[in-house]
Amino acid sequence: REDALTAVLPSLSDAFGLGAVSDRRFLAHGLMNRNWRLAT
């Protein structure tokens, strides 16, 4: 899951204008989707 995110995170950061990602955390307790907390 983290490897898959690593591959697409630069494109997502560009798409949403997030800038550099300084921290990310997978949120395993979500009911739907796959969710992360990103510090950017």
PDB file of all heavy atoms in Angstrom:
ATOM      1  N   ARG A   1       0.841  -1.195   0.000  1.00  0.00           N
ATOM      2  CA  ARG A   1       0.000   0.000   0.000  1.00  0.00           C
ATOM      3  C   ARG A   1       0.877   1.245   0.000  1.00  0.00           C
ATOM      4  O   ARG A   1       0.652   2.185  -0.747  1.00  0.00           O
ATOM      5  CB  ARG A   1      -0.914  -0.023   1.221  1.00  0.00           C
ATOM      6  CG  ARG A   1      -1.934   1.056   1.261  1.00  0.00           C
ATOM      7  CD  ARG A   1      -2.849   0.915   2.472  1.00  0.00           C
ATOM      8  NE  ARG A   1      -3.689  -0.256   2.387  1.00  0.00           N
ATOM      9  CZ  ARG A   1      -3.654  -1.282   3.229  1.00  0.00           C
ATOM     10  NH1 ARG A   1      -2.814  -1.288   4.234  1.00  0.00           N
ATOM     11  NH2 ARG A   1      -4.457  -2.298   3.092  1.00  0.00           N
ATOM     12  N   GLU A   2       1.898   1.248   0.822  1.00  0.00           N
ATOM     13  CA  GLU A   2       2.810   2.382   0.893  1.00  0.00           C
ATOM     14  C   GLU A   2       3.648   2.497  -0.380  1.00  0.00           C
ATOM     15  O   GLU A   2       3.908   3.591  -0.855  1.00  0.00           O
ATOM     16  CB  GLU A   2       3.710   2.283   2.127  1.00  0.00           C
ATOM     17  CG  GLU A   2       2.993   2.616   3.409  1.00  0.00           C
ATOM     18  CD  GLU A   2       2.412   4.022   3.412  1.00  0.00           C
ATOM     19  OE1 GLU A   2       3.125   4.991   3.103  1.00  0.00           O
ATOM     20  OE2 GLU A   2       1.217   4.155   3.717  1.00  0.00           O
ATOM     21  N   ASP A   3       4.071   1.364  -0.950  1.00  0.00           N
ATOM     22  CA  ASP A   3       4.817   1.393  -2.207  1.00  0.00           C
ATOM     23  C   ASP A   3       3.959   1.982  -3.322  1.00  0.00           C
ATOM     24  O   ASP A   3       4.442   2.770  -4.131  1.00  0.00           O
ATOM     25  CB  ASP A   3       5.286  -0.011  -2.603  1.00  0.00           C
ATOM     26  CG  ASP A   3       6.389  -0.547  -1.696  1.00  0.00           C
ATOM     27  OD1 ASP A   3       6.981   0.246  -0.945  1.00  0.00           O
ATOM     28  OD2 ASP A   3       6.639  -1.760  -1.748  1.00  0.00           O
ATOM     29  N   ALA A   4       2.685   1.612  -3.366  1.00  0.00           N
ATOM     30  CA  ALA A   4       1.777   2.135  -4.381  1.00  0.00           C
ATOM     31  C   ALA A   4       1.607   3.643  -4.204  1.00  0.00           C
ATOM     32  O   ALA A   4       1.597   4.398  -5.185  1.00  0.00           O
ATOM     33  CB  ALA A   4       0.426   1.425  -4.308  1.00  0.00           C
ATOM     34  N   LEU A   5       1.480   4.108  -2.974  1.00  0.00           N
ATOM     35  CA  LEU A   5       1.344   5.540  -2.739  1.00  0.00           C
ATOM     36  C   LEU A   5       2.629   6.273  -3.112  1.00  0.00           C
ATOM     37  O   LEU A   5       2.577   7.336  -3.729  1.00  0.00           O
ATOM     38  CB  LEU A   5       0.987   5.829  -1.278  1.00  0.00           C
ATOM     39  CG  LEU A   5       0.837   7.322  -0.962  1.00  0.00           C
ATOM     40  CD1 LEU A   5      -0.341   7.925  -1.740  1.00  0.00           C
ATOM     41  CD2 LEU A   5       0.678   7.547   0.521  1.00  0.00           C
ATOM     42  N   THR A   6       3.770   5.713  -2.775  1.00  0.00           N
ATOM     43  CA  THR A   6       5.044   6.344  -3.103  1.00  0.00           C
ATOM     44  C   THR A   6       5.145   6.602  -4.603  1.00  0.00           C
ATOM     45  O   THR A   6       5.621   7.657  -5.026  1.00  0.00           O
ATOM     46  CB  THR A   6       6.218   5.458  -2.640  1.00  0.00           C
ATOM     47  OG1 THR A   6       6.147   5.323  -1.212  1.00  0.00           O
ATOM     48  CG2 THR A   6       7.557   6.058  -3.018  1.00  0.00           C
ATOM     49  N   ALA A   7       4.642   5.686  -5.403  1.00  0.00           N
ATOM     50  CA  ALA A   7       4.725   5.819  -6.852  1.00  0.00           C
ATOM     51  C   ALA A   7       3.862   6.953  -7.389  1.00  0.00           C
ATOM     52  O   ALA A   7       4.231   7.605  -8.364  1.00  0.00           O
ATOM     53  CB  ALA A   7       4.333   4.501  -7.514  1.00  0.00           C
ATOM     54  N   VAL A   8       2.717   7.215  -6.770  1.00  0.00           N
ATOM     55  CA  VAL A   8       1.783   8.228  -7.300  1.00  0.00           C
ATOM     56  C   VAL A   8       1.799   9.543  -6.530  1.00  0.00           C
ATOM     57  O   VAL A   8       1.240  10.532  -7.002  1.00  0.00           O
ATOM     58  CB  VAL A   8       0.335   7.677  -7.364  1.00  0.00           C
ATOM     59  CG1 VAL A   8       0.260   6.469  -8.270  1.00  0.00           C
ATOM     60  CG2 VAL A   8      -0.217   7.374  -5.985  1.00  0.00           C
ATOM     61  N   LEU A   9       2.449   9.579  -5.377  1.00  0.00           N
ATOM     62  CA  LEU A   9       2.400  10.779  -4.536  1.00  0.00           C
ATOM     63  C   LEU A   9       2.942  12.033  -5.227  1.00  0.00           C
ATOM     64  O   LEU A   9       2.316  13.097  -5.106  1.00  0.00           O
ATOM     65  CB  LEU A   9       3.115  10.528  -3.211  1.00  0.00           C
ATOM     66  CG  LEU A   9       2.845  11.525  -2.099  1.00  0.00           C
ATOM     67  CD1 LEU A   9       1.353  11.727  -1.864  1.00  0.00           C
ATOM     68  CD2 LEU A   9       3.520  11.077  -0.817  1.00  0.00           C
ATOM     69  N   PRO A  10       4.038  11.978  -5.975  1.00  0.00           N
ATOM     70  CA  PRO A  10       4.478  13.198  -6.669  1.00  0.00           C
ATOM     71  C   PRO A  10       3.421  13.739  -7.639  1.00  0.00           C
ATOM     72  O   PRO A  10       3.186  14.947  -7.689  1.00  0.00           O
ATOM     73  CB  PRO A  10       5.751  12.758  -7.399  1.00  0.00           C
ATOM     74  CG  PRO A  10       6.265  11.603  -6.603  1.00  0.00           C
ATOM     75  CD  PRO A  10       5.021  10.897  -6.125  1.00  0.00           C
ATOM     76  N   SER A  11       2.763  12.867  -8.370  1.00  0.00           N
ATOM     77  CA  SER A  11       1.713  13.310  -9.293  1.00  0.00           C
ATOM     78  C   SER A  11       0.533  13.898  -8.543  1.00  0.00           C
ATOM     79  O   SER A  11      -0.045  14.910  -8.959  1.00  0.00           O
ATOM     80  CB  SER A  11       1.241  12.143 -10.165  1.00  0.00           C
ATOM     81  OG  SER A  11       2.286  11.691 -10.988  1.00  0.00           O
ATOM     82  N   LEU A  12       0.149  13.275  -7.437  1.00  0.00           N
ATOM     83  CA  LEU A  12      -0.967  13.792  -6.639  1.00  0.00           C
ATOM     84  C   LEU A  12      -0.620  15.134  -6.009  1.00  0.00           C
ATOM     85  O   LEU A  12      -1.447  16.048  -5.988  1.00  0.00           O
ATOM     86  CB  LEU A  12      -1.361  12.785  -5.557  1.00  0.00           C
ATOM     87  CG  LEU A  12      -2.000  11.502  -6.056  1.00  0.00           C
ATOM     88  CD1 LEU A  12      -2.131  10.497  -4.929  1.00  0.00           C
ATOM     89  CD2 LEU A  12      -3.347  11.797  -6.688  1.00  0.00           C
ATOM     90  N   SER A  13       0.603  15.258  -5.511  1.00  0.00           N
ATOM     91  CA  SER A  13       1.029  16.520  -4.925  1.00  0.00           C
ATOM     92  C   SER A  13       0.989  17.635  -5.958  1.00  0.00           C
ATOM     93  O   SER A  13       0.524  18.737  -5.669  1.00  0.00           O
ATOM     94  CB  SER A  13       2.438  16.374  -4.342  1.00  0.00           C
ATOM     95  OG  SER A  13       2.828  17.574  -3.722  1.00  0.00           O
ATOM     96  N   ASP A  14       1.448  17.346  -7.175  1.00  0.00           N
ATOM     97  CA  ASP A  14       1.376  18.334  -8.257  1.00  0.00           C
ATOM     98  C   ASP A  14      -0.079  18.656  -8.604  1.00  0.00           C
ATOM     99  O   ASP A  14      -0.441  19.819  -8.767  1.00  0.00           O
ATOM    100  CB  ASP A  14       2.091  17.828  -9.514  1.00  0.00           C
ATOM    101  CG  ASP A  14       3.605  17.833  -9.366  1.00  0.00           C
ATOM    102  OD1 ASP A  14       4.127  18.474  -8.428  1.00  0.00           O
ATOM    103  OD2 ASP A  14       4.270  17.185 -10.195  1.00  0.00           O
ATOM    104  N   ALA A  15      -0.898  17.626  -8.738  1.00  0.00           N
ATOM    105  CA  ALA A  15      -2.290  17.816  -9.156  1.00  0.00           C
ATOM    106  C   ALA A  15      -3.054  18.706  -8.178  1.00  0.00           C
ATOM    107  O   ALA A  15      -3.845  19.552  -8.585  1.00  0.00           O
ATOM    108  CB  ALA A  15      -2.991  16.467  -9.303  1.00  0.00           C
ATOM    109  N   PHE A  16      -2.828  18.517  -6.887  1.00  0.00           N
ATOM    110  CA  PHE A  16      -3.581  19.260  -5.875  1.00  0.00           C
ATOM    111  C   PHE A  16      -2.807  20.449  -5.300  1.00  0.00           C
ATOM    112  O   PHE A  16      -3.300  21.138  -4.404  1.00  0.00           O
ATOM    113  CB  PHE A  16      -4.022  18.327  -4.745  1.00  0.00           C
ATOM    114  CG  PHE A  16      -5.117  17.383  -5.134  1.00  0.00           C
ATOM    115  CD1 PHE A  16      -4.853  16.047  -5.392  1.00  0.00           C
ATOM    116  CD2 PHE A  16      -6.426  17.836  -5.269  1.00  0.00           C
ATOM    117  CE1 PHE A  16      -5.871  15.173  -5.758  1.00  0.00           C
ATOM    118  CE2 PHE A  16      -7.447  16.968  -5.632  1.00  0.00           C
ATOM    119  CZ  PHE A  16      -7.164  15.638  -5.884  1.00  0.00           C
ATOM    120  N   GLY A  17      -1.589  20.695  -5.787  1.00  0.00           N
ATOM    121  CA  GLY A  17      -0.804  21.836  -5.318  1.00  0.00           C
ATOM    122  C   GLY A  17      -0.387  21.725  -3.868  1.00  0.00           C
ATOM    123  O   GLY A  17      -0.371  22.718  -3.148  1.00  0.00           O
ATOM    124  N   LEU A  18      -0.021  20.522  -3.447  1.00  0.00           N
ATOM    125  CA  LEU A  18       0.319  20.301  -2.044  1.00  0.00           C
ATOM    126  C   LEU A  18       1.753  20.673  -1.705  1.00  0.00           C
ATOM    127  O   LEU A  18       2.075  20.880  -0.538  1.00  0.00           O
ATOM    128  CB  LEU A  18       0.085  18.837  -1.668  1.00  0.00           C
ATOM    129  CG  LEU A  18      -1.329  18.303  -1.869  1.00  0.00           C
ATOM    130  CD1 LEU A  18      -1.390  16.834  -1.499  1.00  0.00           C
ATOM    131  CD2 LEU A  18      -2.335  19.115  -1.090  1.00  0.00           C
ATOM    132  N   GLY A  19       2.631  20.720  -2.682  1.00  0.00           N
ATOM    133  CA  GLY A  19       4.040  20.970  -2.411  1.00  0.00           C
ATOM    134  C   GLY A  19       4.699  19.728  -1.847  1.00  0.00           C
ATOM    135  O   GLY A  19       4.165  18.619  -1.919  1.00  0.00           O
ATOM    136  N   ALA A  20       5.880  19.938  -1.270  1.00  0.00           N
ATOM    137  CA  ALA A  20       6.659  18.820  -0.738  1.00  0.00           C
ATOM    138  C   ALA A  20       5.918  18.163   0.426  1.00  0.00           C
ATOM    139  O   ALA A  20       5.355  18.836   1.284  1.00  0.00           O
ATOM    140  CB  ALA A  20       8.023  19.306  -0.274  1.00  0.00           C
ATOM    141  N   VAL A  21       5.931  16.838   0.444  1.00  0.00           N
ATOM    142  CA  VAL A  21       5.318  16.066   1.528  1.00  0.00           C
ATOM    143  C   VAL A  21       6.400  15.773   2.561  1.00  0.00           C
ATOM    144  O   VAL A  21       7.389  15.113   2.258  1.00  0.00           O
ATOM    145  CB  VAL A  21       4.685  14.760   0.999  1.00  0.00           C
ATOM    146  CG1 VAL A  21       4.123  13.937   2.146  1.00  0.00           C
ATOM    147  CG2 VAL A  21       3.599  15.074  -0.023  1.00  0.00           C
ATOM    148  N   SER A  22       6.204  16.269   3.770  1.00  0.00           N
ATOM    149  CA  SER A  22       7.193  16.064   4.824  1.00  0.00           C
ATOM    150  C   SER A  22       6.873  14.870   5.717  1.00  0.00           C
ATOM    151  O   SER A  22       7.757  14.338   6.380  1.00  0.00           O
ATOM    152  CB  SER A  22       7.332  17.324   5.677  1.00  0.00           C
ATOM    153  OG  SER A  22       6.098  17.672   6.258  1.00  0.00           O
ATOM    154  N   ASP A  23       5.617  14.454   5.725  1.00  0.00           N
ATOM    155  CA  ASP A  23       5.237  13.317   6.557  1.00  0.00           C
ATOM    156  C   ASP A  23       3.951  12.713   6.012  1.00  0.00           C
ATOM    157  O   ASP A  23       3.085  13.442   5.519  1.00  0.00           O
ATOM    158  CB  ASP A  23       5.013  13.752   8.010  1.00  0.00           C
ATOM    159  CG  ASP A  23       4.766  12.581   8.952  1.00  0.00           C
ATOM    160  OD1 ASP A  23       5.525  11.590   8.884  1.00  0.00           O
ATOM    161  OD2 ASP A  23       3.815  12.652   9.745  1.00  0.00           O
ATOM    162  N   ARG A  24       3.849  11.406   6.088  1.00  0.00           N
ATOM    163  CA  ARG A  24       2.602  10.740   5.703  1.00  0.00           C
ATOM    164  C   ARG A  24       2.382   9.569   6.638  1.00  0.00           C
ATOM    165  O   ARG A  24       3.321   8.942   7.121  1.00  0.00           O
ATOM    166  CB  ARG A  24       2.639  10.290   4.253  1.00  0.00           C
ATOM    167  CG  ARG A  24       3.526   9.115   4.009  1.00  0.00           C
ATOM    168  CD  ARG A  24       3.371   8.652   2.568  1.00  0.00           C
ATOM    169  NE  ARG A  24       4.028   7.395   2.373  1.00  0.00           N
ATOM    170  CZ  ARG A  24       4.959   7.171   1.479  1.00  0.00           C
ATOM    171  NH1 ARG A  24       5.345   8.129   0.678  1.00  0.00           N
ATOM    172  NH2 ARG A  24       5.500   5.985   1.372  1.00  0.00           N
ATOM    173  N   ARG A  25       1.080   9.316   6.885  1.00  0.00           N
ATOM    174  CA  ARG A  25       0.724   8.223   7.790  1.00  0.00           C
ATOM    175  C   ARG A  25      -0.519   7.540   7.256  1.00  0.00           C
ATOM    176  O   ARG A  25      -1.552   8.178   7.019  1.00  0.00           O
ATOM    177  CB  ARG A  25       0.460   8.776   9.187  1.00  0.00           C
ATOM    178  CG  ARG A  25       0.152   7.701  10.223  1.00  0.00           C
ATOM    179  CD  ARG A  25      -0.025   8.319  11.568  1.00  0.00           C
ATOM    180  NE  ARG A  25      -0.886   9.502  11.450  1.00  0.00           N
ATOM    181  CZ  ARG A  25      -1.694   9.928  12.388  1.00  0.00           C
ATOM    182  NH1 ARG A  25      -1.746   9.335  13.539  1.00  0.00           N
ATOM    183  NH2 ARG A  25      -2.456  10.984  12.194  1.00  0.00           N
ATOM    184  N   PHE A  26      -0.418   6.235   7.037  1.00  0.00           N
ATOM    185  CA  PHE A  26      -1.580   5.460   6.607  1.00  0.00           C
ATOM    186  C   PHE A  26      -2.533   5.337   7.784  1.00  0.00           C
ATOM    187  O   PHE A  26      -2.121   5.108   8.920  1.00  0.00           O
ATOM    188  CB  PHE A  26      -1.148   4.074   6.119  1.00  0.00           C
ATOM    189  CG  PHE A  26      -2.308   3.213   5.728  1.00  0.00           C
ATOM    190  CD1 PHE A  26      -3.046   3.498   4.595  1.00  0.00           C
ATOM    191  CD2 PHE A  26      -2.676   2.135   6.510  1.00  0.00           C
ATOM    192  CE1 PHE A  26      -4.137   2.724   4.234  1.00  0.00           C
ATOM    193  CE2 PHE A  26      -3.763   1.350   6.150  1.00  0.00           C
ATOM    194  CZ  PHE A  26      -4.489   1.643   5.016  1.00  0.00           C
ATOM    195  N   LEU A  27      -3.829   5.511   7.506  1.00  0.00           N
ATOM    196  CA  LEU A  27      -4.850   5.439   8.549  1.00  0.00           C
ATOM    197  C   LEU A  27      -5.584   4.106   8.419  1.00  0.00           C
ATOM    198  O   LEU A  27      -6.513   3.982   7.627  1.00  0.00           O
ATOM    199  CB  LEU A  27      -5.820   6.612   8.419  1.00  0.00           C
ATOM    200  CG  LEU A  27      -5.159   7.985   8.418  1.00  0.00           C
ATOM    201  CD1 LEU A  27      -6.165   9.074   8.098  1.00  0.00           C
ATOM    202  CD2 LEU A  27      -4.456   8.251   9.740  1.00  0.00           C
ATOM    203  N   ALA A  28      -5.150   3.153   9.170  1.00  0.00           N
ATOM    204  CA  ALA A  28      -5.668   1.789   9.051  1.00  0.00           C
ATOM    205  C   ALA A  28      -7.094   1.639   9.561  1.00  0.00           C
ATOM    206  O   ALA A  28      -7.765   0.668   9.229  1.00  0.00           O
ATOM    207  CB  ALA A  28      -4.753   0.822   9.797  1.00  0.00           C
ATOM    208  N   HIS A  29      -7.605   2.590  10.338  1.00  0.00           N
ATOM    209  CA  HIS A  29      -8.906   2.428  10.968  1.00  0.00           C
ATOM    210  C   HIS A  29     -10.067   2.984  10.150  1.00  0.00           C
ATOM    211  O   HIS A  29     -11.199   2.971  10.605  1.00  0.00           O
ATOM    212  CB  HIS A  29      -8.895   3.067  12.352  1.00  0.00           C
ATOM    213  CG  HIS A  29      -8.487   4.500  12.355  1.00  0.00           C
ATOM    214  ND1 HIS A  29      -7.170   4.878  12.348  1.00  0.00           N
ATOM    215  CD2 HIS A  29      -9.207   5.636  12.322  1.00  0.00           C
ATOM    216  CE1 HIS A  29      -7.108   6.193  12.313  1.00  0.00           C
ATOM    217  NE2 HIS A  29      -8.320   6.681  12.300  1.00  0.00           N
ATOM    218  N   GLY A  30      -9.831   3.440   8.940  1.00  0.00           N
ATOM    219  CA  GLY A  30     -10.918   3.976   8.123  1.00  0.00           C
ATOM    220  C   GLY A  30     -11.894   2.895   7.688  1.00  0.00           C
ATOM    221  O   GLY A  30     -11.512   1.748   7.486  1.00  0.00           O
ATOM    222  N   LEU A  31     -13.148   3.274   7.536  1.00  0.00           N
ATOM    223  CA  LEU A  31     -14.173   2.313   7.126  1.00  0.00           C
ATOM    224  C   LEU A  31     -14.232   2.141   5.615  1.00  0.00           C
ATOM    225  O   LEU A  31     -14.555   1.068   5.111  1.00  0.00           O
ATOM    226  CB  LEU A  31     -15.550   2.762   7.630  1.00  0.00           C
ATOM    227  CG  LEU A  31     -15.727   2.827   9.126  1.00  0.00           C
ATOM    228  CD1 LEU A  31     -17.103   3.372   9.468  1.00  0.00           C
ATOM    229  CD2 LEU A  31     -15.540   1.454   9.731  1.00  0.00           C
ATOM    230  N   MET A  32     -13.984   3.215   4.895  1.00  0.00           N
ATOM    231  CA  MET A  32     -14.071   3.185   3.442  1.00  0.00           C
ATOM    232  C   MET A  32     -12.776   3.747   2.873  1.00  0.00           C
ATOM    233  O   MET A  32     -12.070   4.495   3.544  1.00  0.00           O
ATOM    234  CB  MET A  32     -15.250   4.023   2.957  1.00  0.00           C
ATOM    235  CG  MET A  32     -16.581   3.578   3.532  1.00  0.00           C
ATOM    236  SD  MET A  32     -17.959   4.629   3.055  1.00  0.00           S
ATOM    237  CE  MET A  32     -17.538   6.188   3.768  1.00  0.00           C
ATOM    238  N   ASN A  33     -12.497   3.408   1.657  1.00  0.00           N
ATOM    239  CA  ASN A  33     -11.337   3.935   0.963  1.00  0.00           C
ATOM    240  C   ASN A  33     -10.041   3.557   1.679  1.00  0.00           C
ATOM    241  O   ASN A  33     -10.045   2.864   2.685  1.00  0.00           O
ATOM    242  CB  ASN A  33     -11.439   5.450   0.797  1.00  0.00           C
ATOM    243  CG  ASN A  33     -12.743   5.863   0.152  1.00  0.00           C
ATOM    244  OD1 ASN A  33     -13.098   5.350  -0.896  1.00  0.00           O
ATOM    245  ND2 ASN A  33     -13.471   6.771   0.782  1.00  0.00           N
ATOM    246  N   ARG A  34      -8.936   4.023   1.121  1.00  0.00           N
ATOM    247  CA  ARG A  34      -7.644   3.956   1.800  1.00  0.00           C
ATOM    248  C   ARG A  34      -7.271   5.400   2.068  1.00  0.00           C
ATOM    249  O   ARG A  34      -7.327   6.235   1.172  1.00  0.00           O
ATOM    250  CB  ARG A  34      -6.613   3.257   0.926  1.00  0.00           C
ATOM    251  CG  ARG A  34      -6.793   1.751   0.925  1.00  0.00           C
ATOM    252  CD  ARG A  34      -5.633   1.043   0.249  1.00  0.00           C
ATOM    253  NE  ARG A  34      -5.778   0.972  -1.183  1.00  0.00           N
ATOM    254  CZ  ARG A  34      -6.523   0.095  -1.837  1.00  0.00           C
ATOM    255  NH1 ARG A  34      -7.231  -0.790  -1.164  1.00  0.00           N
ATOM    256  NH2 ARG A  34      -6.592   0.085  -3.146  1.00  0.00           N
ATOM    257  N   ASN A  35      -6.909   5.687   3.300  1.00  0.00           N
ATOM    258  CA  ASN A  35      -6.725   7.064   3.730  1.00  0.00           C
ATOM    259  C   ASN A  35      -5.347   7.275   4.341  1.00  0.00           C
ATOM    260  O   ASN A  35      -4.831   6.399   5.039  1.00  0.00           O
ATOM    261  CB  ASN A  35      -7.790   7.430   4.771  1.00  0.00           C
ATOM    262  CG  ASN A  35      -9.185   7.201   4.258  1.00  0.00           C
ATOM    263  OD1 ASN A  35      -9.629   7.865   3.337  1.00  0.00           O
ATOM    264  ND2 ASN A  35      -9.894   6.246   4.838  1.00  0.00           N
ATOM    265  N   TRP A  36      -4.805   8.469   4.085  1.00  0.00           N
ATOM    266  CA  TRP A  36      -3.532   8.877   4.662  1.00  0.00           C
ATOM    267  C   TRP A  36      -3.663  10.279   5.228  1.00  0.00           C
ATOM    268  O   TRP A  36      -4.447  11.087   4.733  1.00  0.00           O
ATOM    269  CB  TRP A  36      -2.427   8.917   3.603  1.00  0.00           C
ATOM    270  CG  TRP A  36      -2.005   7.589   3.107  1.00  0.00           C
ATOM    271  CD1 TRP A  36      -0.949   6.834   3.553  1.00  0.00           C
ATOM    272  CD2 TRP A  36      -2.586   6.837   2.032  1.00  0.00           C
ATOM    273  NE1 TRP A  36      -0.865   5.667   2.823  1.00  0.00           N
ATOM    274  CE2 TRP A  36      -1.855   5.650   1.881  1.00  0.00           C
ATOM    275  CE3 TRP A  36      -3.669   7.061   1.177  1.00  0.00           C
ATOM    276  CZ2 TRP A  36      -2.156   4.692   0.927  1.00  0.00           C
ATOM    277  CZ3 TRP A  36      -3.974   6.104   0.226  1.00  0.00           C
ATOM    278  CH2 TRP A  36      -3.219   4.937   0.111  1.00  0.00           C
ATOM    279  N   ARG A  37      -2.880  10.552   6.219  1.00  0.00           N
ATOM    280  CA  ARG A  37      -2.700  11.918   6.724  1.00  0.00           C
ATOM    281  C   ARG A  37      -1.388  12.402   6.142  1.00  0.00           C
ATOM    282  O   ARG A  37      -0.349  11.757   6.319  1.00  0.00           O
ATOM    283  CB  ARG A  37      -2.640  11.927   8.242  1.00  0.00           C
ATOM    284  CG  ARG A  37      -2.457  13.308   8.836  1.00  0.00           C
ATOM    285  CD  ARG A  37      -2.225  13.208  10.357  1.00  0.00           C
ATOM    286  NE  ARG A  37      -2.124  14.502  10.974  1.00  0.00           N
ATOM    287  CZ  ARG A  37      -1.003  15.235  11.028  1.00  0.00           C
ATOM    288  NH1 ARG A  37       0.120  14.790  10.489  1.00  0.00           N
ATOM    289  NH2 ARG A  37      -1.004  16.416  11.625  1.00  0.00           N
ATOM    290  N   LEU A  38      -1.429  13.527   5.411  1.00  0.00           N
ATOM    291  CA  LEU A  38      -0.241  14.080   4.780  1.00  0.00           C
ATOM    292  C   LEU A  38       0.091  15.434   5.384  1.00  0.00           C
ATOM    293  O   LEU A  38      -0.790  16.299   5.475  1.00  0.00           O
ATOM    294  CB  LEU A  38      -0.458  14.284   3.279  1.00  0.00           C
ATOM    295  CG  LEU A  38      -0.780  13.082   2.408  1.00  0.00           C
ATOM    296  CD1 LEU A  38      -0.977  13.537   0.965  1.00  0.00           C
ATOM    297  CD2 LEU A  38       0.318  12.038   2.498  1.00  0.00           C
ATOM    298  N   ALA A  39       1.333  15.615   5.783  1.00  0.00           N
ATOM    299  CA  ALA A  39       1.839  16.933   6.150  1.00  0.00           C
ATOM    300  C   ALA A  39       2.637  17.420   4.952  1.00  0.00           C
ATOM    301  O   ALA A  39       3.547  16.724   4.484  1.00  0.00           O
ATOM    302  CB  ALA A  39       2.709  16.856   7.399  1.00  0.00           C
ATOM    303  N   THR A  40       2.274  18.580   4.431  1.00  0.00           N
ATOM    304  CA  THR A  40       2.889  19.090   3.210  1.00  0.00           C
ATOM    305  C   THR A  40       3.278  20.555   3.384  1.00  0.00           C
ATOM    306  O   THR A  40       2.937  21.181   4.384  1.00  0.00           O
ATOM    307  CB  THR A  40       1.918  18.982   2.019  1.00  0.00           C
ATOM    308  OG1 THR A  40       0.932  20.016   2.123  1.00  0.00           O
ATOM    309  CG2 THR A  40       1.252  17.616   1.955  1.00  0.00           C
TER     310      THR A  40
END
